[in-house]
Amino acid sequence: GKAEGIAVDSHLHSIANSLGWVKTKRAQQTRRKLEERLPRSFWSTINPLVVGFGQEMATEKSKILAKCLSSSNPSLALQMLSDCGMNVTRELEK
């Protein structure tokens, strides 16, 4: 069916703020800002996509680093991890 809104939990709220997509204090504010900025076609997939990214950052650091290094723009991908709170230099030294 058609998404009526973006499901914003604490994970999506935190990551969206870390990446600079929004600057909000509460999840409800984040939902409104994201809905203003994202096409409706993304509403149903943004939460699982971003939450999955956050889970991978927390538990699969070596895998997500490998994905970043093999991406089309490794420095930008690594910067995104850094913006989300990962100490990329330390993780790469492991």
Protein backbone atom coordinates (compact mmCIF):
# COMPACT_ATOMS: atom_id res chain seq x y z
CA GLY A 1 0.00 0.00 0.00
CA LYS A 2 0.82 3.65 -0.09
CA ALA A 3 2.90 4.99 2.80
CA GLU A 4 1.04 7.53 4.92
CA GLY A 5 4.22 8.83 6.53
CA ILE A 6 7.79 8.01 7.46
CA ALA A 7 8.25 5.76 10.48
CA VAL A 8 10.86 7.59 12.54
CA ASP A 9 12.26 5.78 15.57
CA SER A 10 15.20 6.81 17.74
CA HIS A 11 17.65 5.20 15.28
CA LEU A 12 16.44 7.06 12.20
CA HIS A 13 16.16 10.28 14.23
CA SER A 14 19.76 9.97 15.45
CA ILE A 15 21.29 9.01 12.10
CA ALA A 16 19.39 11.67 10.15
CA ASN A 17 20.72 14.29 12.57
CA SER A 18 24.26 12.85 12.50
CA LEU A 19 24.32 13.02 8.71
CA GLY A 20 23.00 16.59 8.75
CA TRP A 21 19.80 15.70 6.89
CA VAL A 22 17.84 17.43 9.65
CA LYS A 23 18.57 19.41 12.78
CA THR A 24 15.85 18.36 15.18
CA LYS A 25 15.42 17.49 18.84
CA ARG A 26 12.54 15.00 18.60
CA ALA A 27 11.61 12.12 16.31
CA GLN A 28 8.29 13.77 15.38
CA GLN A 29 10.18 16.85 14.13
CA THR A 30 12.51 14.58 12.17
CA ARG A 31 9.54 12.84 10.55
CA ARG A 32 8.03 16.15 9.41
CA LYS A 33 11.35 17.43 8.01
CA LEU A 34 12.10 14.19 6.18
CA GLU A 35 8.60 14.09 4.72
CA GLU A 36 9.10 17.64 3.43
CA ARG A 37 12.37 16.68 1.75
CA LEU A 38 11.94 13.11 0.52
CA PRO A 39 9.71 12.04 -2.33
CA ARG A 40 6.75 9.97 -1.11
CA SER A 41 8.12 6.98 -3.01
CA PHE A 42 10.95 6.73 -0.44
CA TRP A 43 8.80 7.00 2.67
CA SER A 44 8.23 3.28 3.21
CA THR A 45 11.87 2.28 2.65
CA ILE A 46 13.90 5.00 4.37
CA ASN A 47 13.50 3.61 7.91
CA PRO A 48 14.60 0.01 7.23
CA LEU A 49 17.42 1.24 5.00
CA VAL A 50 18.84 3.71 7.52
CA VAL A 51 18.22 1.49 10.55
CA GLY A 52 19.95 -1.39 8.75
CA PHE A 53 22.88 0.92 8.05
CA GLY A 54 23.03 1.89 11.73
CA GLN A 55 22.91 -1.73 12.86
CA GLU A 56 25.69 -2.63 10.46
CA MET A 57 27.79 0.27 11.76
CA ALA A 58 27.35 -0.98 15.30
CA THR A 59 27.96 -4.69 14.76
CA GLU A 60 29.63 -5.23 11.40
CA LYS A 61 32.28 -2.51 11.27
CA SER A 62 34.76 -4.50 9.21
CA LYS A 63 32.07 -5.34 6.63
CA ILE A 64 30.81 -1.79 6.30
CA LEU A 65 34.39 -0.49 6.02
CA ALA A 66 35.06 -2.98 3.22
CA LYS A 67 31.90 -1.83 1.43
CA CYS A 68 32.99 1.80 1.75
CA LEU A 69 36.48 1.10 0.47
CA SER A 70 35.08 -0.72 -2.58
CA SER A 71 32.43 1.91 -3.32
CA SER A 72 32.57 4.35 -6.22
CA ASN A 73 33.60 7.15 -3.83
CA PRO A 74 35.50 5.64 -0.87
CA SER A 75 36.49 8.94 0.75
CA LEU A 76 32.89 10.18 0.77
CA ALA A 77 31.67 6.84 2.11
CA LEU A 78 34.26 6.89 4.89
CA GLN A 79 33.36 10.50 5.70
CA MET A 80 29.74 9.43 6.12
CA LEU A 81 30.82 6.79 8.64
CA SER A 82 32.85 9.40 10.48
CA ASP A 83 29.89 11.79 10.49
CA CYS A 84 27.84 9.03 12.11
CA GLY A 85 30.32 8.71 14.94
CA MET A 86 32.67 5.95 13.81
CA ASN A 87 36.37 6.48 14.50
CA VAL A 88 37.32 5.44 10.98
CA THR A 89 41.08 5.78 11.50
CA ARG A 90 41.01 3.50 14.55
CA GLU A 91 38.78 0.95 12.82
CA LEU A 92 41.01 0.85 9.73
CA GLU A 93 44.06 0.19 11.91
CA LYS A 94 42.49 -2.97 13.38
